[in-house]
Amino acid sequence: MERWLQRVQNAKNEVDEIDFLLAFFQSCHHFPEWLELTGQVSKEDLRDYMSRHPELGICRDLANASKHWALKYKGDQEYEVALSREYAPRNRFGHRLLVIADKRNYEAWELANWCLEAWKRFIDDKKPKVDSSFEELVERIPNQ
């Protein structure tokens, strides 16, 4: 996730900035699945944690909205989520990216950092071993 945020920060143009930001939210949204596959964190602990962090719900909604044509399941929220640009001539690309959710505007960069920090706190609290190799994780995925 941190690498995606680094890519947002180092984007050379506004298209890359948006693409990298959405990739961050998709990666962040799928992080709990990765944690669960380590076998060291329960699905219940993850659900409980996410329910107490509204920024992770907004992250989920952005990830799903940017990945799917139409959402079949909207979750518990009673709001739509959208990504918008606001004119900001002093910013790098002449705008700032906003996430509109729950009748509020969130600066996208700040929201992404809040999500990242939320998962860092979870890791610090639960202390799961997260240095498994990709190959080890793939081996744990049941064949369908």
Protein backbone atom coordinates (compact mmCIF):
# COMPACT_ATOMS: atom_id res chain seq x y z
CA MET A 1 0.00 0.00 0.00
CA GLU A 2 2.78 2.39 0.84
CA ARG A 3 4.26 1.96 -2.63
CA TRP A 4 0.96 2.99 -4.23
CA LEU A 5 0.90 6.16 -2.11
CA GLN A 6 4.48 6.85 -3.12
CA ARG A 7 3.42 6.50 -6.75
CA VAL A 8 0.57 8.98 -6.18
CA GLN A 9 3.04 11.44 -4.71
CA ASN A 10 5.49 10.97 -7.60
CA ALA A 11 2.93 10.88 -10.41
CA LYS A 12 4.06 12.72 -13.53
CA ASN A 13 0.55 13.68 -14.65
CA GLU A 14 -2.99 13.87 -13.32
CA VAL A 15 -4.13 10.64 -15.04
CA ASP A 16 -1.40 8.67 -13.26
CA GLU A 17 -2.23 10.45 -10.02
CA ILE A 18 -5.85 9.28 -10.18
CA ASP A 19 -4.94 5.77 -11.39
CA PHE A 20 -2.39 5.29 -8.62
CA LEU A 21 -4.78 6.65 -6.02
CA LEU A 22 -7.54 4.25 -7.05
CA ALA A 23 -5.01 1.40 -7.11
CA PHE A 24 -4.10 2.35 -3.54
CA PHE A 25 -7.73 2.18 -2.42
CA GLN A 26 -8.20 -1.18 -4.15
CA SER A 27 -5.04 -2.55 -2.53
CA CYS A 28 -6.04 -1.17 0.85
CA HIS A 29 -9.52 -2.65 0.56
CA HIS A 30 -8.11 -6.10 -0.18
CA PHE A 31 -5.49 -5.98 2.57
CA PRO A 32 -7.79 -7.68 5.12
CA GLU A 33 -8.12 -10.68 2.78
CA TRP A 34 -4.34 -10.92 2.66
CA LEU A 35 -4.14 -10.69 6.46
CA GLU A 36 -6.76 -13.39 6.84
CA LEU A 37 -4.79 -15.68 4.52
CA THR A 38 -1.83 -15.49 6.90
CA GLY A 39 -4.00 -17.54 9.26
CA GLN A 40 -3.07 -15.25 12.12
CA VAL A 41 -6.02 -12.87 12.06
CA SER A 42 -9.66 -13.89 12.20
CA LYS A 43 -12.29 -12.62 9.82
CA GLU A 44 -14.31 -11.52 12.87
CA ASP A 45 -11.42 -9.38 14.19
CA LEU A 46 -11.07 -7.79 10.76
CA ARG A 47 -14.79 -7.08 10.39
CA ASP A 48 -14.96 -5.63 13.88
CA TYR A 49 -11.97 -3.38 13.24
CA MET A 50 -13.28 -2.18 9.88
CA SER A 51 -16.71 -1.43 11.36
CA ARG A 52 -15.03 0.93 13.85
CA HIS A 53 -13.10 2.81 11.15
CA PRO A 54 -15.39 4.69 8.76
CA GLU A 55 -12.42 5.65 6.57
CA LEU A 56 -12.02 1.97 5.70
CA GLY A 57 -15.68 1.83 4.65
CA ILE A 58 -15.14 4.77 2.32
CA CYS A 59 -12.02 3.03 1.04
CA ARG A 60 -14.10 -0.10 0.32
CA ASP A 61 -16.69 1.93 -1.54
CA LEU A 62 -14.08 3.74 -3.65
CA ALA A 63 -12.32 0.47 -4.44
CA ASN A 64 -15.52 -1.23 -5.51
CA ALA A 65 -16.87 1.76 -7.43
CA SER A 66 -13.63 2.11 -9.37
CA LYS A 67 -13.39 -1.60 -10.12
CA HIS A 68 -16.95 -2.63 -11.00
CA TRP A 69 -19.38 -1.27 -13.58
CA ALA A 70 -22.31 -1.47 -11.16
CA LEU A 71 -22.35 -2.23 -7.47
CA LYS A 72 -24.63 -5.09 -6.49
CA TYR A 73 -24.06 -4.55 -2.78
CA LYS A 74 -23.73 -1.10 -1.29
CA GLY A 75 -22.85 -2.14 2.25
CA ASP A 76 -24.25 -0.48 5.35
CA GLN A 77 -23.78 3.09 4.27
CA GLU A 78 -26.59 5.35 3.23
CA TYR A 79 -24.49 7.42 0.88
CA GLU A 80 -22.90 7.35 -2.53
CA VAL A 81 -19.18 7.82 -2.92
CA ALA A 82 -17.50 9.88 -5.64
CA LEU A 83 -14.07 11.14 -6.61
CA SER A 84 -13.92 14.76 -7.68
CA ARG A 85 -11.40 17.43 -8.61
CA GLU A 86 -11.41 20.87 -7.09
CA TYR A 87 -9.60 23.77 -8.68
CA ALA A 88 -6.46 24.53 -6.69
CA PRO A 89 -4.00 26.47 -8.86
CA ARG A 90 -1.11 26.16 -6.38
CA ASN A 91 -1.32 22.37 -6.28
CA ARG A 92 0.91 20.28 -8.49
CA PHE A 93 -1.64 19.61 -11.27
CA GLY A 94 -3.83 22.65 -10.65
CA HIS A 95 -6.40 20.73 -8.62
CA ARG A 96 -6.84 18.67 -5.54
CA LEU A 97 -8.66 15.36 -5.48
CA LEU A 98 -11.65 15.06 -3.21
CA VAL A 99 -13.64 12.06 -2.10
CA ILE A 100 -17.27 12.87 -1.52
CA ALA A 101 -18.95 10.52 0.94
CA ASP A 102 -21.56 10.80 3.65
CA LYS A 103 -22.30 14.44 2.78
CA ARG A 104 -18.66 15.39 3.37
CA ASN A 105 -15.63 16.20 1.29
CA TYR A 106 -12.42 14.43 2.18
CA GLU A 107 -9.11 15.32 0.61
CA ALA A 108 -8.21 12.07 -1.15
CA TRP A 109 -4.57 12.15 -0.09
CA GLU A 110 -5.54 12.59 3.58
CA LEU A 111 -8.15 9.83 3.37
CA ALA A 112 -5.59 7.46 1.86
CA ASN A 113 -3.16 8.23 4.66
CA TRP A 114 -5.85 7.71 7.31
CA CYS A 115 -6.58 4.28 5.81
CA LEU A 116 -2.91 3.37 5.74
CA GLU A 117 -2.46 4.49 9.34
CA ALA A 118 -5.54 2.52 10.42
CA TRP A 119 -4.01 -0.69 9.05
CA LYS A 120 -0.65 0.11 10.61
CA ARG A 121 -2.36 0.46 14.00
CA PHE A 122 -4.11 -2.87 13.46
CA ILE A 123 -0.78 -4.55 12.68
CA ASP A 124 0.83 -2.94 15.73
CA ASP A 125 -2.03 -4.12 17.93
CA LYS A 126 -2.44 -7.69 16.61
CA LYS A 127 1.18 -8.24 15.63
CA PRO A 128 0.54 -10.86 12.93
CA LYS A 129 3.54 -12.18 11.05
CA VAL A 130 3.16 -10.33 7.74
CA ASP A 131 6.44 -11.19 6.10
CA SER A 132 5.16 -14.32 4.35
CA SER A 133 6.35 -14.70 0.81
CA PHE A 134 3.92 -14.43 -2.06
CA GLU A 135 4.47 -18.12 -2.83
CA GLU A 136 3.54 -19.12 0.73
CA LEU A 137 0.32 -17.15 0.51
CA VAL A 138 -0.60 -18.62 -2.88
CA GLU A 139 -0.13 -22.13 -1.48
CA ARG A 140 -2.74 -21.37 1.20
CA ILE A 141 -5.42 -20.34 -1.30
CA PRO A 142 -7.89 -23.20 -1.71
CA ASN A 143 -8.33 -24.46 -5.27
CA GLN A 144 -11.78 -23.68 -6.59
